[in-house]
């Protein structure tokens, strides 16, 4: 081989990239912004919390 260092680098890169297959760890990615969650507040609850916070700042 004319360039053994480049060949070794290519092999290592190929091994690294093939080692990244799989589903990943649970909780590795945050839930989608568009996914409805049980713990998510409704729009009415968010508005109520904003109004309460604005009322408490005046005191």
PDB file of N, CA and C in Angstrom:
ATOM      1  N   UNK A   1       0.838  -1.195   0.000  1.00  0.00           N
ATOM      2  CA  UNK A   1       0.000   0.000   0.000  1.00  0.00           C
ATOM      3  C   UNK A   1       0.872   1.244   0.000  1.00  0.00           C
ATOM      4  N   UNK A   2       0.421   2.216  -0.713  1.00  0.00           N
ATOM      5  CA  UNK A   2       1.204   3.435  -0.836  1.00  0.00           C
ATOM      6  C   UNK A   2       1.002   4.364   0.365  1.00  0.00           C
ATOM      7  N   UNK A   3      -0.224   4.405   0.909  1.00  0.00           N
ATOM      8  CA  UNK A   3      -0.534   5.306   2.019  1.00  0.00           C
ATOM      9  C   UNK A   3      -1.141   4.514   3.186  1.00  0.00           C
ATOM     10  N   UNK A   4      -0.341   3.828   3.986  1.00  0.00           N
ATOM     11  CA  UNK A   4      -0.886   2.988   5.066  1.00  0.00           C
ATOM     12  C   UNK A   4      -1.575   3.807   6.174  1.00  0.00           C
ATOM     13  N   UNK A   5      -1.095   4.999   6.433  1.00  0.00           N
ATOM     14  CA  UNK A   5      -1.707   5.817   7.482  1.00  0.00           C
ATOM     15  C   UNK A   5      -3.129   6.224   7.103  1.00  0.00           C
ATOM     16  N   UNK A   6      -3.328   6.558   5.836  1.00  0.00           N
ATOM     17  CA  UNK A   6      -4.672   6.922   5.369  1.00  0.00           C
ATOM     18  C   UNK A   6      -5.588   5.705   5.414  1.00  0.00           C
ATOM     19  N   UNK A   7      -5.065   4.540   5.058  1.00  0.00           N
ATOM     20  CA  UNK A   7      -5.866   3.312   5.082  1.00  0.00           C
ATOM     21  C   UNK A   7      -6.298   2.989   6.512  1.00  0.00           C
ATOM     22  N   UNK A   8      -5.410   3.147   7.473  1.00  0.00           N
ATOM     23  CA  UNK A   8      -5.752   2.900   8.879  1.00  0.00           C
ATOM     24  C   UNK A   8      -6.805   3.899   9.343  1.00  0.00           C
ATOM     25  N   UNK A   9      -6.668   5.145   8.958  1.00  0.00           N
ATOM     26  CA  UNK A   9      -7.649   6.168   9.339  1.00  0.00           C
ATOM     27  C   UNK A   9      -9.019   5.851   8.753  1.00  0.00           C
ATOM     28  N   UNK A  10      -9.067   5.395   7.516  1.00  0.00           N
ATOM     29  CA  UNK A  10     -10.341   5.052   6.882  1.00  0.00           C
ATOM     30  C   UNK A  10     -10.980   3.869   7.589  1.00  0.00           C
ATOM     31  N   UNK A  11     -10.198   2.862   7.942  1.00  0.00           N
ATOM     32  CA  UNK A  11     -10.726   1.689   8.643  1.00  0.00           C
ATOM     33  C   UNK A  11     -11.270   2.086  10.014  1.00  0.00           C
ATOM     34  N   UNK A  12     -10.536   2.906  10.751  1.00  0.00           N
ATOM     35  CA  UNK A  12     -11.000   3.350  12.064  1.00  0.00           C
ATOM     36  C   UNK A  12     -12.278   4.178  11.957  1.00  0.00           C
ATOM     37  N   UNK A  13     -12.347   5.008  10.948  1.00  0.00           N
ATOM     38  CA  UNK A  13     -13.554   5.808  10.733  1.00  0.00           C
ATOM     39  C   UNK A  13     -14.748   4.906  10.417  1.00  0.00           C
ATOM     40  N   UNK A  14     -14.532   3.901   9.589  1.00  0.00           N
ATOM     41  CA  UNK A  14     -15.607   2.976   9.234  1.00  0.00           C
ATOM     42  C   UNK A  14     -16.086   2.201  10.461  1.00  0.00           C
ATOM     43  N   UNK A  15     -15.174   1.765  11.298  1.00  0.00           N
ATOM     44  CA  UNK A  15     -15.550   1.033  12.515  1.00  0.00           C
ATOM     45  C   UNK A  15     -16.322   1.945  13.458  1.00  0.00           C
ATOM     46  N   UNK A  16     -15.887   3.177  13.589  1.00  0.00           N
ATOM     47  CA  UNK A  16     -16.563   4.127  14.469  1.00  0.00           C
ATOM     48  C   UNK A  16     -17.989   4.401  13.992  1.00  0.00           C
ATOM     49  N   UNK A  17     -18.151   4.598  12.693  1.00  0.00           N
ATOM     50  CA  UNK A  17     -19.476   4.922  12.169  1.00  0.00           C
ATOM     51  C   UNK A  17     -20.421   3.728  12.235  1.00  0.00           C
ATOM     52  N   UNK A  18     -19.924   2.529  12.058  1.00  0.00           N
ATOM     53  CA  UNK A  18     -20.798   1.360  12.140  1.00  0.00           C
ATOM     54  C   UNK A  18     -21.127   1.021  13.580  1.00  0.00           C
ATOM     55  N   UNK A  19     -20.331   1.475  14.519  1.00  0.00           N
ATOM     56  CA  UNK A  19     -20.607   1.231  15.931  1.00  0.00           C
ATOM     57  C   UNK A  19     -21.700   2.118  16.488  1.00  0.00           C
ATOM     58  N   UNK A  20     -22.162   3.093  15.723  1.00  0.00           N
ATOM     59  CA  UNK A  20     -23.182   4.028  16.191  1.00  0.00           C
ATOM     60  C   UNK A  20     -24.595   3.567  15.867  1.00  0.00           C
ATOM     61  N   UNK A  21     -24.748   2.372  15.345  1.00  0.00           N
ATOM     62  CA  UNK A  21     -26.079   1.886  15.015  1.00  0.00           C
ATOM     63  C   UNK A  21     -26.843   1.548  16.293  1.00  0.00           C
ATOM     64  N   UNK A  22     -28.157   1.489  16.196  1.00  0.00           N
ATOM     65  CA  UNK A  22     -28.965   1.074  17.325  1.00  0.00           C
ATOM     66  C   UNK A  22     -29.948   2.142  17.734  1.00  0.00           C
ATOM     67  N   UNK A  23     -30.742   1.801  18.698  1.00  0.00           N
ATOM     68  CA  UNK A  23     -31.794   2.693  19.178  1.00  0.00           C
ATOM     69  C   UNK A  23     -31.258   3.768  20.120  1.00  0.00           C
ATOM     70  N   UNK A  24     -30.147   3.522  20.744  1.00  0.00           N
ATOM     71  CA  UNK A  24     -29.641   4.487  21.704  1.00  0.00           C
ATOM     72  C   UNK A  24     -30.189   4.213  23.084  1.00  0.00           C
ATOM     73  N   UNK A  25     -29.793   5.006  24.028  1.00  0.00           N
ATOM     74  CA  UNK A  25     -30.222   4.818  25.408  1.00  0.00           C
ATOM     75  C   UNK A  25     -31.616   5.405  25.591  1.00  0.00           C
ATOM     76  N   UNK A  26     -32.397   4.823  26.486  1.00  0.00           N
ATOM     77  CA  UNK A  26     -33.706   5.424  26.781  1.00  0.00           C
ATOM     78  C   UNK A  26     -33.517   6.817  27.387  1.00  0.00           C
ATOM     79  N   UNK A  27     -34.299   7.760  26.943  1.00  0.00           N
ATOM     80  CA  UNK A  27     -34.187   9.119  27.448  1.00  0.00           C
ATOM     81  C   UNK A  27     -33.048   9.901  26.842  1.00  0.00           C
ATOM     82  N   UNK A  28     -32.435   9.367  25.806  1.00  0.00           N
ATOM     83  CA  UNK A  28     -31.313  10.066  25.177  1.00  0.00           C
ATOM     84  C   UNK A  28     -31.786  11.319  24.453  1.00  0.00           C
ATOM     85  N   UNK A  29     -32.963  11.256  23.892  1.00  0.00           N
ATOM     86  CA  UNK A  29     -33.510  12.392  23.160  1.00  0.00           C
ATOM     87  C   UNK A  29     -34.726  12.937  23.898  1.00  0.00           C
ATOM     88  N   UNK A  30     -34.897  14.254  23.961  1.00  0.00           N
ATOM     89  CA  UNK A  30     -36.056  14.815  24.651  1.00  0.00           C
ATOM     90  C   UNK A  30     -37.335  14.497  23.881  1.00  0.00           C
ATOM     91  N   UNK A  31     -38.458  14.489  24.586  1.00  0.00           N
ATOM     92  CA  UNK A  31     -39.723  14.226  23.887  1.00  0.00           C
ATOM     93  C   UNK A  31     -40.009  15.327  22.874  1.00  0.00           C
ATOM     94  N   UNK A  32     -40.769  14.983  21.900  1.00  0.00           N
ATOM     95  CA  UNK A  32     -41.090  15.929  20.843  1.00  0.00           C
ATOM     96  C   UNK A  32     -41.897  17.093  21.398  1.00  0.00           C
ATOM     97  N   UNK A  33     -41.715  18.256  20.810  1.00  0.00           N
ATOM     98  CA  UNK A  33     -42.496  19.419  21.227  1.00  0.00           C
ATOM     99  C   UNK A  33     -43.965  19.255  20.877  1.00  0.00           C
ATOM    100  N   UNK A  34     -44.232  18.437  19.881  1.00  0.00           N
ATOM    101  CA  UNK A  34     -45.596  18.267  19.417  1.00  0.00           C
ATOM    102  C   UNK A  34     -46.298  17.084  20.065  1.00  0.00           C
ATOM    103  N   UNK A  35     -45.593  16.350  20.901  1.00  0.00           N
ATOM    104  CA  UNK A  35     -46.166  15.178  21.540  1.00  0.00           C
ATOM    105  C   UNK A  35     -46.876  15.605  22.825  1.00  0.00           C
ATOM    106  N   UNK A  36     -48.107  15.165  22.999  1.00  0.00           N
ATOM    107  CA  UNK A  36     -48.876  15.499  24.191  1.00  0.00           C
ATOM    108  C   UNK A  36     -48.388  14.639  25.351  1.00  0.00           C
ATOM    109  N   UNK A  37     -48.077  15.267  26.480  1.00  0.00           N
ATOM    110  CA  UNK A  37     -47.606  14.541  27.656  1.00  0.00           C
ATOM    111  C   UNK A  37     -48.641  14.663  28.762  1.00  0.00           C
ATOM    112  N   UNK A  38     -48.630  13.709  29.677  1.00  0.00           N
ATOM    113  CA  UNK A  38     -49.561  13.727  30.800  1.00  0.00           C
ATOM    114  C   UNK A  38     -49.273  14.897  31.735  1.00  0.00           C
ATOM    115  N   UNK A  39     -48.002  15.256  31.884  1.00  0.00           N
ATOM    116  CA  UNK A  39     -47.631  16.303  32.827  1.00  0.00           C
ATOM    117  C   UNK A  39     -47.729  17.709  32.231  1.00  0.00           C
ATOM    118  N   UNK A  40     -48.089  17.819  30.967  1.00  0.00           N
ATOM    119  CA  UNK A  40     -48.159  19.130  30.316  1.00  0.00           C
ATOM    120  C   UNK A  40     -49.382  19.905  30.814  1.00  0.00           C
ATOM    121  N   UNK A  41     -49.201  21.193  31.029  1.00  0.00           N
ATOM    122  CA  UNK A  41     -50.302  22.044  31.448  1.00  0.00           C
ATOM    123  C   UNK A  41     -51.144  22.446  30.246  1.00  0.00           C
ATOM    124  N   UNK A  42     -52.430  22.613  30.494  1.00  0.00           N
ATOM    125  CA  UNK A  42     -53.305  23.056  29.412  1.00  0.00           C
ATOM    126  C   UNK A  42     -53.136  24.560  29.224  1.00  0.00           C
ATOM    127  N   UNK A  43     -53.681  25.081  28.132  1.00  0.00           N
ATOM    128  CA  UNK A  43     -53.587  26.518  27.861  1.00  0.00           C
ATOM    129  C   UNK A  43     -54.270  27.329  28.957  1.00  0.00           C
ATOM    130  N   UNK A  44     -55.400  26.835  29.459  1.00  0.00           N
ATOM    131  CA  UNK A  44     -56.126  27.544  30.520  1.00  0.00           C
ATOM    132  C   UNK A  44     -55.292  27.598  31.801  1.00  0.00           C
ATOM    133  N   UNK A  45     -54.622  26.506  32.132  1.00  0.00           N
ATOM    134  CA  UNK A  45     -53.788  26.488  33.334  1.00  0.00           C
ATOM    135  C   UNK A  45     -52.584  27.423  33.178  1.00  0.00           C
ATOM    136  N   UNK A  46     -51.999  27.455  32.003  1.00  0.00           N
ATOM    137  CA  UNK A  46     -50.875  28.366  31.765  1.00  0.00           C
ATOM    138  C   UNK A  46     -51.297  29.823  31.894  1.00  0.00           C
ATOM    139  N   UNK A  47     -52.461  30.158  31.337  1.00  0.00           N
ATOM    140  CA  UNK A  47     -52.961  31.526  31.414  1.00  0.00           C
ATOM    141  C   UNK A  47     -53.271  31.907  32.861  1.00  0.00           C
ATOM    142  N   UNK A  48     -53.851  30.984  33.609  1.00  0.00           N
ATOM    143  CA  UNK A  48     -54.161  31.239  35.013  1.00  0.00           C
ATOM    144  C   UNK A  48     -52.880  31.489  35.809  1.00  0.00           C
ATOM    145  N   UNK A  49     -51.839  30.697  35.542  1.00  0.00           N
ATOM    146  CA  UNK A  49     -50.568  30.884  36.240  1.00  0.00           C
ATOM    147  C   UNK A  49     -49.936  32.231  35.891  1.00  0.00           C
ATOM    148  N   UNK A  50     -50.048  32.660  34.635  1.00  0.00           N
ATOM    149  CA  UNK A  50     -49.516  33.971  34.245  1.00  0.00           C
ATOM    150  C   UNK A  50     -50.238  35.096  34.966  1.00  0.00           C
ATOM    151  N   UNK A  51     -51.568  34.994  35.061  1.00  0.00           N
ATOM    152  CA  UNK A  51     -52.344  36.026  35.729  1.00  0.00           C
ATOM    153  C   UNK A  51     -52.030  36.072  37.220  1.00  0.00           C
ATOM    154  N   UNK A  52     -51.876  34.918  37.837  1.00  0.00           N
ATOM    155  CA  UNK A  52     -51.531  34.880  39.265  1.00  0.00           C
ATOM    156  C   UNK A  52     -50.153  35.485  39.501  1.00  0.00           C
ATOM    157  N   UNK A  53     -49.194  35.198  38.616  1.00  0.00           N
ATOM    158  CA  UNK A  53     -47.848  35.735  38.767  1.00  0.00           C
ATOM    159  C   UNK A  53     -47.865  37.254  38.591  1.00  0.00           C
ATOM    160  N   UNK A  54     -48.665  37.741  37.648  1.00  0.00           N
ATOM    161  CA  UNK A  54     -48.758  39.192  37.426  1.00  0.00           C
ATOM    162  C   UNK A  54     -49.422  39.863  38.631  1.00  0.00           C
ATOM    163  N   UNK A  55     -50.388  39.202  39.225  1.00  0.00           N
ATOM    164  CA  UNK A  55     -51.065  39.764  40.402  1.00  0.00           C
ATOM    165  C   UNK A  55     -50.151  39.773  41.615  1.00  0.00           C
ATOM    166  N   UNK A  56     -49.302  38.785  41.751  1.00  0.00           N
ATOM    167  CA  UNK A  56     -48.389  38.719  42.894  1.00  0.00           C
ATOM    168  C   UNK A  56     -47.252  39.720  42.785  1.00  0.00           C
ATOM    169  N   UNK A  57     -46.886  40.148  41.582  1.00  0.00           N
ATOM    170  CA  UNK A  57     -45.816  41.124  41.419  1.00  0.00           C
ATOM    171  C   UNK A  57     -46.246  42.505  41.923  1.00  0.00           C
ATOM    172  N   UNK A  58     -47.528  42.795  41.855  1.00  0.00           N
ATOM    173  CA  UNK A  58     -48.024  44.094  42.287  1.00  0.00           C
ATOM    174  C   UNK A  58     -48.030  44.256  43.788  1.00  0.00           C
ATOM    175  N   UNK A  59     -47.927  43.188  44.529  1.00  0.00           N
ATOM    176  CA  UNK A  59     -47.970  43.248  46.012  1.00  0.00           C
ATOM    177  C   UNK A  59     -46.658  43.584  46.610  1.00  0.00           C
TER     178      UNK A  59
END
